[in-house]
Amino acid sequence: MNNLISETFIVSGRVQGVGFRYHTALQASKLSVLGYAKNLPSGEVEVLAVGQADQVEQLFMWLQQGPKTARVEHVRRSQVIIDSVPSDFQIL
């Protein structure tokens, strides 16, 4: 698994209580992206995505829409350095 990149996405809008993390985990699994999705106290969802650049980009594109139950208003994107590669994609 060479050439992995890691990015975090902060997704705002109506993204809590609508299955956003669950659907994000399904999409990440389809794309072979590792990491997590977790609710933040601010009402946003934080997503860590680790994978090949094209896979992470595809997840980013999906996050801008999200599932039909959500209303995504904005996605902030940041590259991050991680200590170790996650073994899967988790809902936290």
C-alpha atoms as a PDB file:
ATOM      1  CA  MET A   1       0.000   0.000   0.000  1.00  0.00           C
ATOM      2  CA  ASN A   2       2.469   2.588  -1.209  1.00  0.00           C
ATOM      3  CA  ASN A   3       1.696   6.180  -2.091  1.00  0.00           C
ATOM      4  CA  LEU A   4      -1.107   6.525   0.423  1.00  0.00           C
ATOM      5  CA  ILE A   5      -2.368   9.976   1.265  1.00  0.00           C
ATOM      6  CA  SER A   6      -4.310  11.032   4.330  1.00  0.00           C
ATOM      7  CA  GLU A   7      -6.797  13.869   4.518  1.00  0.00           C
ATOM      8  CA  THR A   8      -9.446  15.061   6.919  1.00  0.00           C
ATOM      9  CA  PHE A   9     -12.770  16.467   5.844  1.00  0.00           C
ATOM     10  CA  ILE A  10     -15.067  18.522   8.062  1.00  0.00           C
ATOM     11  CA  VAL A  11     -18.578  18.258   6.652  1.00  0.00           C
ATOM     12  CA  SER A  12     -21.170  20.831   7.713  1.00  0.00           C
ATOM     13  CA  GLY A  13     -24.902  21.084   7.132  1.00  0.00           C
ATOM     14  CA  ARG A  14     -27.599  18.615   8.169  1.00  0.00           C
ATOM     15  CA  VAL A  15     -25.164  15.737   8.635  1.00  0.00           C
ATOM     16  CA  GLN A  16     -25.928  14.361  12.106  1.00  0.00           C
ATOM     17  CA  GLY A  17     -28.869  12.099  12.881  1.00  0.00           C
ATOM     18  CA  VAL A  18     -29.409  11.289   9.194  1.00  0.00           C
ATOM     19  CA  GLY A  19     -27.160   8.233   8.674  1.00  0.00           C
ATOM     20  CA  PHE A  20     -24.295  10.299   7.265  1.00  0.00           C
ATOM     21  CA  ARG A  21     -21.511   8.377   9.034  1.00  0.00           C
ATOM     22  CA  TYR A  22     -23.022   5.006   8.089  1.00  0.00           C
ATOM     23  CA  HIS A  23     -23.307   5.932   4.412  1.00  0.00           C
ATOM     24  CA  THR A  24     -19.814   7.449   4.468  1.00  0.00           C
ATOM     25  CA  ALA A  25     -18.446   4.151   5.816  1.00  0.00           C
ATOM     26  CA  LEU A  26     -20.216   2.231   3.034  1.00  0.00           C
ATOM     27  CA  GLN A  27     -18.815   4.568   0.384  1.00  0.00           C
ATOM     28  CA  ALA A  28     -15.315   4.417   1.884  1.00  0.00           C
ATOM     29  CA  SER A  29     -15.481   0.615   1.886  1.00  0.00           C
ATOM     30  CA  LYS A  30     -16.459   0.578  -1.798  1.00  0.00           C
ATOM     31  CA  LEU A  31     -13.450   2.792  -2.546  1.00  0.00           C
ATOM     32  CA  SER A  32     -11.006   0.871  -0.283  1.00  0.00           C
ATOM     33  CA  VAL A  33     -10.476   4.002   1.817  1.00  0.00           C
ATOM     34  CA  LEU A  34      -9.473   3.559   5.466  1.00  0.00           C
ATOM     35  CA  GLY A  35     -10.119   5.910   8.394  1.00  0.00           C
ATOM     36  CA  TYR A  36     -13.180   7.026  10.316  1.00  0.00           C
ATOM     37  CA  ALA A  37     -16.230   9.246  10.456  1.00  0.00           C
ATOM     38  CA  LYS A  38     -17.243  10.851  13.742  1.00  0.00           C
ATOM     39  CA  ASN A  39     -19.732  13.420  14.949  1.00  0.00           C
ATOM     40  CA  LEU A  40     -18.327  16.660  16.345  1.00  0.00           C
ATOM     41  CA  PRO A  41     -19.959  18.719  19.121  1.00  0.00           C
ATOM     42  CA  SER A  42     -20.359  21.539  16.556  1.00  0.00           C
ATOM     43  CA  GLY A  43     -22.899  19.465  14.609  1.00  0.00           C
ATOM     44  CA  GLU A  44     -20.387  18.706  11.869  1.00  0.00           C
ATOM     45  CA  VAL A  45     -18.906  15.337  10.900  1.00  0.00           C
ATOM     46  CA  GLU A  46     -15.147  14.748  10.742  1.00  0.00           C
ATOM     47  CA  VAL A  47     -13.892  12.193   8.232  1.00  0.00           C
ATOM     48  CA  LEU A  48     -10.338  10.844   8.112  1.00  0.00           C
ATOM     49  CA  ALA A  49      -9.605   9.270   4.728  1.00  0.00           C
ATOM     50  CA  VAL A  50      -6.460   7.238   4.026  1.00  0.00           C
ATOM     51  CA  GLY A  51      -5.934   5.671   0.620  1.00  0.00           C
ATOM     52  CA  GLN A  52      -4.710   6.145  -2.907  1.00  0.00           C
ATOM     53  CA  ALA A  53      -5.095   9.740  -4.121  1.00  0.00           C
ATOM     54  CA  ASP A  54      -7.810   8.893  -6.652  1.00  0.00           C
ATOM     55  CA  GLN A  55      -9.808   6.941  -4.050  1.00  0.00           C
ATOM     56  CA  VAL A  56      -9.634   9.777  -1.529  1.00  0.00           C
ATOM     57  CA  GLU A  57     -10.627  12.232  -4.264  1.00  0.00           C
ATOM     58  CA  GLN A  58     -13.665  10.106  -5.130  1.00  0.00           C
ATOM     59  CA  LEU A  59     -14.694  10.046  -1.462  1.00  0.00           C
ATOM     60  CA  PHE A  60     -14.283  13.837  -1.307  1.00  0.00           C
ATOM     61  CA  MET A  61     -16.557  14.213  -4.335  1.00  0.00           C
ATOM     62  CA  TRP A  62     -19.160  11.959  -2.686  1.00  0.00           C
ATOM     63  CA  LEU A  63     -18.928  13.854   0.633  1.00  0.00           C
ATOM     64  CA  GLN A  64     -19.925  17.067  -1.132  1.00  0.00           C
ATOM     65  CA  GLN A  65     -23.325  15.486  -1.816  1.00  0.00           C
ATOM     66  CA  GLY A  66     -23.633  12.856   0.906  1.00  0.00           C
ATOM     67  CA  PRO A  67     -26.619  10.527   1.200  1.00  0.00           C
ATOM     68  CA  LYS A  68     -30.103  11.656   0.197  1.00  0.00           C
ATOM     69  CA  THR A  69     -31.040  12.032   3.877  1.00  0.00           C
ATOM     70  CA  ALA A  70     -28.371  14.711   4.442  1.00  0.00           C
ATOM     71  CA  ARG A  71     -27.956  18.299   3.299  1.00  0.00           C
ATOM     72  CA  VAL A  72     -24.266  19.090   2.887  1.00  0.00           C
ATOM     73  CA  GLU A  73     -23.484  22.799   2.975  1.00  0.00           C
ATOM     74  CA  HIS A  74     -19.686  22.781   3.014  1.00  0.00           C
ATOM     75  CA  VAL A  75     -16.695  20.418   3.156  1.00  0.00           C
ATOM     76  CA  ARG A  76     -13.365  21.671   4.531  1.00  0.00           C
ATOM     77  CA  ARG A  77     -10.402  19.601   3.350  1.00  0.00           C
ATOM     78  CA  SER A  78      -6.958  19.312   4.955  1.00  0.00           C
ATOM     79  CA  GLN A  79      -3.967  17.064   4.398  1.00  0.00           C
ATOM     80  CA  VAL A  80      -2.770  15.408   7.590  1.00  0.00           C
ATOM     81  CA  ILE A  81       0.164  13.304   8.706  1.00  0.00           C
ATOM     82  CA  ILE A  82      -0.804  10.140  10.561  1.00  0.00           C
ATOM     83  CA  ASP A  83       1.338   7.930  12.792  1.00  0.00           C
ATOM     84  CA  SER A  84      -0.105   4.647  11.546  1.00  0.00           C
ATOM     85  CA  VAL A  85      -2.429   3.484   8.794  1.00  0.00           C
ATOM     86  CA  PRO A  86      -5.884   2.468  10.077  1.00  0.00           C
ATOM     87  CA  SER A  87      -6.853  -1.169   9.491  1.00  0.00           C
ATOM     88  CA  ASP A  88     -10.389  -0.340   8.314  1.00  0.00           C
ATOM     89  CA  PHE A  89     -12.983   2.443   8.182  1.00  0.00           C
ATOM     90  CA  GLN A  90     -14.787   3.006  11.469  1.00  0.00           C
ATOM     91  CA  ILE A  91     -17.824   4.901  12.638  1.00  0.00           C
ATOM     92  CA  LEU A  92     -16.825   6.633  15.865  1.00  0.00           C
END
